[in-house]
Amino acid sequence: MNEDERESWAIAESMLEQARAMMREAEAAMETFRTGKEMNMLRCLRKGISKSDAEIRWSASVNAKNAISNNSFHVGLASMYYGAATANFARALYLRSRGGRPL
């Protein structure tokens, strides 16, 4: 491996790790949404509020909106990082196929 190939591969692995971190954040946000929804449903059922009204109340809450927003944001970042990693892996493979010859 030449220096350019090594550098491109290292950048790709770094981007891949960042993408995985963003997906973990997205999963945590989705879990927050699910947990909040279940807790809201139980709270509303104890008060005699119907399931459909509980759903409406939860979807209109700030916590639900924040969780969905965080999930969307982190999924978008993960997609960006996965794309950048793919480009750098492709560059490293291209450089390997050239056998270290200069561009």
Protein backbone atom coordinates (compact mmCIF):
# COMPACT_ATOMS: atom_id res chain seq x y z
CA MET A 1 0.00 0.00 0.00
CA ASN A 2 1.24 3.46 -0.82
CA GLU A 3 0.79 6.50 1.40
CA ASP A 4 -2.21 7.92 -0.53
CA GLU A 5 -4.01 4.59 -0.36
CA ARG A 6 -3.33 4.26 3.38
CA GLU A 7 -4.55 7.80 4.02
CA SER A 8 -7.72 7.28 2.00
CA TRP A 9 -8.41 3.98 3.78
CA ALA A 10 -7.88 5.59 7.20
CA ILE A 11 -10.23 8.45 6.34
CA ALA A 12 -12.84 5.95 5.15
CA GLU A 13 -12.62 3.96 8.37
CA SER A 14 -12.92 7.15 10.40
CA MET A 15 -16.01 8.19 8.43
CA LEU A 16 -17.48 4.72 8.87
CA GLU A 17 -17.03 4.92 12.64
CA GLN A 18 -18.63 8.37 12.68
CA ALA A 19 -21.58 7.03 10.66
CA ARG A 20 -22.04 4.20 13.15
CA ALA A 21 -22.01 6.70 16.01
CA MET A 22 -24.70 8.74 14.26
CA MET A 23 -26.83 5.62 13.77
CA ARG A 24 -26.50 4.82 17.48
CA GLU A 25 -27.73 8.35 18.24
CA ALA A 26 -30.64 7.86 15.82
CA GLU A 27 -31.53 4.55 17.48
CA ALA A 28 -31.43 6.19 20.91
CA ALA A 29 -33.77 8.94 19.70
CA MET A 30 -36.18 6.36 18.30
CA GLU A 31 -36.08 4.42 21.55
CA THR A 32 -36.86 7.66 23.42
CA PHE A 33 -39.85 8.14 21.13
CA ARG A 34 -41.11 4.59 21.66
CA THR A 35 -40.65 4.68 25.42
CA GLY A 36 -42.34 8.06 25.72
CA LYS A 37 -45.23 6.89 23.59
CA GLU A 38 -45.77 3.81 25.75
CA MET A 39 -45.56 5.79 28.99
CA ASN A 40 -47.95 8.40 27.63
CA MET A 41 -50.37 5.66 26.59
CA LEU A 42 -50.34 4.12 30.07
CA ARG A 43 -50.77 7.53 31.72
CA CYS A 44 -53.71 8.36 29.48
CA LEU A 45 -55.35 4.97 30.02
CA ARG A 46 -55.17 5.49 33.80
CA LYS A 47 -56.95 8.83 33.33
CA GLY A 48 -59.60 7.25 31.10
CA ILE A 49 -58.38 8.86 27.87
CA SER A 50 -58.81 6.76 24.73
CA LYS A 51 -55.86 5.29 22.82
CA SER A 52 -56.48 7.50 19.80
CA ASP A 53 -56.51 10.64 21.95
CA ALA A 54 -53.36 9.44 23.70
CA GLU A 55 -51.69 9.04 20.29
CA ILE A 56 -52.70 12.54 19.28
CA ARG A 57 -51.47 14.02 22.55
CA TRP A 58 -48.14 12.22 22.28
CA SER A 59 -47.52 13.18 18.65
CA ALA A 60 -48.22 16.82 19.50
CA SER A 61 -45.86 16.85 22.48
CA VAL A 62 -42.47 18.55 22.46
CA ASN A 63 -40.72 15.33 23.55
CA ALA A 64 -42.15 13.40 20.60
CA LYS A 65 -41.22 16.13 18.14
CA ASN A 66 -37.69 16.36 19.54
CA ALA A 67 -37.19 12.60 19.37
CA ILE A 68 -38.34 12.43 15.75
CA SER A 69 -36.27 15.47 14.84
CA ASN A 70 -33.16 14.00 16.46
CA ASN A 71 -33.73 10.69 14.72
CA SER A 72 -34.09 12.33 11.30
CA PHE A 73 -31.07 14.56 11.86
CA HIS A 74 -28.79 11.71 12.92
CA VAL A 75 -29.97 9.41 10.12
CA GLY A 76 -29.17 12.19 7.65
CA LEU A 77 -25.69 12.63 9.12
CA ALA A 78 -25.11 8.88 9.08
CA SER A 79 -26.07 8.75 5.40
CA MET A 80 -23.63 11.54 4.65
CA TYR A 81 -20.81 9.82 6.54
CA TYR A 82 -21.55 6.44 4.91
CA GLY A 83 -21.41 8.12 1.50
CA ALA A 84 -18.09 9.78 2.32
CA ALA A 85 -16.70 6.50 3.61
CA THR A 86 -17.79 4.74 0.43
CA ALA A 87 -16.07 7.36 -1.71
CA ASN A 88 -12.84 7.04 0.25
CA PHE A 89 -12.91 3.23 0.17
CA ALA A 90 -13.42 3.44 -3.61
CA ARG A 91 -10.50 5.86 -3.88
CA ALA A 92 -8.27 3.54 -1.85
CA LEU A 93 -9.22 0.58 -4.04
CA TYR A 94 -8.58 2.65 -7.16
CA LEU A 95 -5.16 3.65 -5.85
CA ARG A 96 -4.40 0.00 -5.06
CA SER A 97 -5.36 -1.05 -8.59
CA ARG A 98 -2.94 1.54 -10.00
CA GLY A 99 -0.15 -0.16 -8.08
CA GLY A 100 1.20 2.98 -6.49
CA ARG A 101 1.72 4.82 -9.77
CA PRO A 102 1.16 8.57 -9.47
CA LEU A 103 -2.12 10.05 -10.61
